N, C-alpha and C. Protein backbone atom coordinates (compact mmCIF):
# COMPACT_ATOMS: atom_id res chain seq x y z
N MET A 1 0.45 -1.30 0.33
CA MET A 1 -0.21 0.08 0.02
C MET A 1 1.31 1.15 0.06
N PRO A 2 0.53 2.23 -0.85
CA PRO A 2 1.79 3.32 -1.05
C PRO A 2 0.98 4.09 0.32
N HIS A 3 2.01 4.90 0.52
CA HIS A 3 1.91 5.93 1.63
C HIS A 3 2.10 7.69 1.19
N PRO A 4 1.60 8.10 1.79
CA PRO A 4 1.82 9.65 1.15
C PRO A 4 3.11 10.24 1.46
N LYS A 5 3.62 10.99 0.52
CA LYS A 5 5.02 11.25 1.11
C LYS A 5 4.74 12.99 1.46
N ARG A 6 4.12 13.66 1.41
CA ARG A 6 3.92 14.47 2.04
C ARG A 6 2.69 15.00 2.98
N ARG A 7 2.57 15.54 4.19
CA ARG A 7 1.22 15.41 5.06
C ARG A 7 0.44 16.82 4.03
N GLN A 8 -0.59 16.38 3.99
CA GLN A 8 -1.66 17.29 3.69
C GLN A 8 -1.97 18.41 4.59
N SER A 9 -2.41 19.58 3.75
CA SER A 9 -2.76 20.73 4.79
C SER A 9 -3.82 20.84 4.48
N ARG A 10 -4.18 22.00 5.89
CA ARG A 10 -5.93 21.99 6.41
C ARG A 10 -6.41 22.55 5.46
N HIS A 11 -6.18 23.41 4.14
CA HIS A 11 -6.86 23.74 3.20
C HIS A 11 -7.03 22.52 1.90
N ARG A 12 -5.80 21.71 1.82
CA ARG A 12 -6.32 20.95 0.64
C ARG A 12 -7.57 19.46 1.35
N GLN A 13 -7.13 19.31 3.14
CA GLN A 13 -8.06 18.04 3.73
C GLN A 13 -9.78 19.49 4.00
N GLY A 14 -9.59 20.25 3.61
CA GLY A 14 -11.12 21.23 3.88
C GLY A 14 -11.58 20.75 2.31
N ILE A 15 -10.62 21.03 1.52
CA ILE A 15 -11.25 20.98 -0.25
C ILE A 15 -11.74 19.51 -0.46
N ARG A 16 -11.01 18.64 0.30
CA ARG A 16 -11.19 16.82 0.07
C ARG A 16 -12.73 16.45 0.88
N ARG A 17 -13.18 17.18 2.16
CA ARG A 17 -14.20 17.11 2.75
C ARG A 17 -15.39 17.66 2.69
N SER A 18 -15.34 18.80 1.55
CA SER A 18 -16.63 19.86 0.97
C SER A 18 -17.81 19.27 1.30
N HIS A 19 -17.61 18.16 0.62
CA HIS A 19 -18.79 17.34 -0.44
C HIS A 19 -19.65 16.42 1.43
N LEU A 20 -19.26 16.41 2.55
CA LEU A 20 -18.72 15.64 3.41
C LEU A 20 -20.56 16.22 4.44
N ALA A 21 -20.37 17.43 4.04
CA ALA A 21 -21.42 18.21 4.66
C ALA A 21 -22.84 17.53 5.26
N VAL A 22 -23.49 18.04 6.03
CA VAL A 22 -25.41 17.13 5.98
C VAL A 22 -26.03 17.96 5.73
N LYS A 23 -26.89 17.73 4.85
CA LYS A 23 -28.07 18.42 3.53
C LYS A 23 -29.14 18.06 4.82
N PRO A 24 -29.87 19.43 5.19
CA PRO A 24 -31.36 18.87 5.63
C PRO A 24 -32.32 18.52 4.93
N SER A 25 -33.01 17.70 5.47
CA SER A 25 -33.76 16.80 5.23
C SER A 25 -34.94 17.67 5.05
N GLN A 26 -35.80 17.44 3.60
CA GLN A 26 -36.89 17.82 3.12
C GLN A 26 -37.85 17.04 3.41
N PRO A 27 -39.17 18.23 4.40
CA PRO A 27 -40.33 17.48 4.12
C PRO A 27 -41.01 17.01 3.09
N SER A 28 -41.52 15.79 3.27
CA SER A 28 -42.38 15.20 2.32
C SER A 28 -44.00 15.42 2.49
N HIS A 29 -44.48 15.47 1.87
CA HIS A 29 -46.25 15.83 2.31
C HIS A 29 -47.20 14.35 1.97
N CYS A 30 -47.94 14.76 3.00
CA CYS A 30 -48.88 13.42 2.91
C CYS A 30 -49.88 12.86 2.14
N ALA A 31 -49.55 11.94 1.58
CA ALA A 31 -51.09 11.64 0.23
C ALA A 31 -52.09 11.95 0.72
N ARG A 32 -52.49 11.76 1.83
CA ARG A 32 -53.93 12.29 2.22
C ARG A 32 -54.44 13.15 2.39
N CYS A 33 -53.61 13.92 3.31
CA CYS A 33 -54.19 15.09 3.33
C CYS A 33 -53.23 16.39 3.27
N GLY A 34 -52.23 15.99 3.28
CA GLY A 34 -51.54 17.10 2.59
C GLY A 34 -50.58 17.86 2.94
N SER A 35 -50.65 17.77 4.26
CA SER A 35 -49.59 18.74 5.58
C SER A 35 -48.17 17.66 5.63
N PRO A 36 -47.11 18.49 6.06
CA PRO A 36 -45.78 18.37 5.48
C PRO A 36 -45.15 17.02 6.87
N SER A 37 -44.86 15.83 6.23
CA SER A 37 -44.39 15.07 7.40
C SER A 37 -43.11 14.53 7.07
N LYS A 38 -42.27 13.84 7.93
CA LYS A 38 -41.19 12.90 7.91
C LYS A 38 -41.46 12.08 6.58
N PRO A 39 -40.21 11.44 5.66
CA PRO A 39 -40.56 10.62 4.59
C PRO A 39 -40.59 9.49 5.76
N HIS A 40 -41.13 8.08 5.14
CA HIS A 40 -41.51 7.32 5.24
C HIS A 40 -41.70 7.29 6.89
N ARG A 41 -42.92 7.81 7.23
CA ARG A 41 -43.32 8.07 8.92
C ARG A 41 -44.59 8.23 8.40
N VAL A 42 -45.64 7.98 9.66
CA VAL A 42 -46.89 7.95 9.72
C VAL A 42 -47.10 9.54 10.03
N CYS A 43 -48.52 9.83 9.19
CA CYS A 43 -48.30 11.45 9.56
C CYS A 43 -49.02 11.51 10.91
N ASP A 44 -48.61 12.90 11.02
CA ASP A 44 -49.03 13.17 12.45
C ASP A 44 -49.78 13.63 12.47
N SER A 45 -50.76 14.69 11.42
CA SER A 45 -51.91 15.12 11.34
C SER A 45 -52.91 14.32 11.22
N CYS A 46 -53.21 13.10 10.54
CA CYS A 46 -53.99 12.26 10.07
C CYS A 46 -53.31 10.38 10.49
N GLY A 47 -52.58 10.59 10.76
CA GLY A 47 -52.75 9.14 11.43
C GLY A 47 -52.61 7.89 10.14
N TYR A 48 -52.28 8.43 9.06
CA TYR A 48 -52.10 7.61 7.91
C TYR A 48 -50.25 7.41 7.23
N TYR A 49 -50.41 6.48 6.94
CA TYR A 49 -49.26 6.17 5.65
C TYR A 49 -49.37 5.63 4.44
N GLY A 50 -49.60 7.04 3.68
CA GLY A 50 -49.95 6.82 1.87
C GLY A 50 -51.44 7.05 2.29
N PHE A 51 -51.89 5.73 2.48
CA PHE A 51 -53.82 5.76 1.97
C PHE A 51 -54.19 4.80 2.80
N GLN A 52 -53.66 3.84 3.87
CA GLN A 52 -53.56 2.86 4.94
C GLN A 52 -53.29 3.65 6.16
N LYS A 53 -54.14 3.12 7.13
CA LYS A 53 -54.27 3.35 8.66
C LYS A 53 -52.91 3.24 9.49
N GLY A 54 -52.16 4.25 9.97
CA GLY A 54 -51.43 3.83 10.63
C GLY A 54 -51.46 3.15 11.94
N SER A 55 -50.55 3.59 12.88
CA SER A 55 -50.59 2.78 14.57
C SER A 55 -51.02 3.93 15.36
N ASP A 56 -51.39 3.90 16.45
CA ASP A 56 -52.39 4.87 17.30
C ASP A 56 -50.96 5.67 17.50
N LYS A 57 -49.60 5.06 17.98
CA LYS A 57 -48.71 5.45 18.16
C LYS A 57 -47.70 6.82 17.37
N LYS A 58 -48.64 7.19 15.94
CA LYS A 58 -48.41 8.30 15.36
C LYS A 58 -47.30 7.83 14.57
N GLY A 59 -46.52 6.78 13.85
CA GLY A 59 -44.79 6.96 13.57
C GLY A 59 -43.92 6.80 14.45
N MET A 60 -44.19 6.57 15.92
CA MET A 60 -43.21 6.68 16.92
C MET A 60 -42.96 5.10 17.33
N GLU A 61 -43.09 4.44 17.27
CA GLU A 61 -43.72 2.63 17.51
C GLU A 61 -41.60 2.11 16.59
N VAL A 62 -41.34 1.40 17.63
CA VAL A 62 -39.84 1.14 17.39
C VAL A 62 -39.63 -0.46 16.99
N PHE A 63 -39.50 -1.06 15.67
CA PHE A 63 -39.89 -2.44 15.99
C PHE A 63 -38.53 -3.19 16.27
N ARG A 64 -38.52 -4.33 16.83
CA ARG A 64 -37.53 -4.89 17.03
C ARG A 64 -36.99 -5.55 15.23
N LYS A 65 -35.72 -6.03 15.22
CA LYS A 65 -35.43 -7.03 13.96
C LYS A 65 -36.10 -8.07 13.77
N ASP A 66 -36.53 -8.84 14.72
CA ASP A 66 -37.12 -9.95 14.04
C ASP A 66 -38.44 -9.99 13.43
N ASP A 67 -39.56 -8.62 14.37
CA ASP A 67 -40.68 -8.16 14.17
C ASP A 67 -41.09 -7.80 12.35
N PHE A 68 -40.06 -7.62 11.74
CA PHE A 68 -39.98 -7.29 10.24
C PHE A 68 -40.66 -8.25 9.28
């Protein structure tokens, strides 16, 4: 494996890492009521996921791996 001959400067390191910044998530809109909601979650206002009725916990339920 080759090793670098010179240390990379902080400027060059910043250029390399410039695309690693976290982008803010864009809210998706509920298909049933149109209110903004997080993607792949049950809607907070109507309690539906797509057009199917979600659980009573409104998307906050955490499933274990074997429940999938």
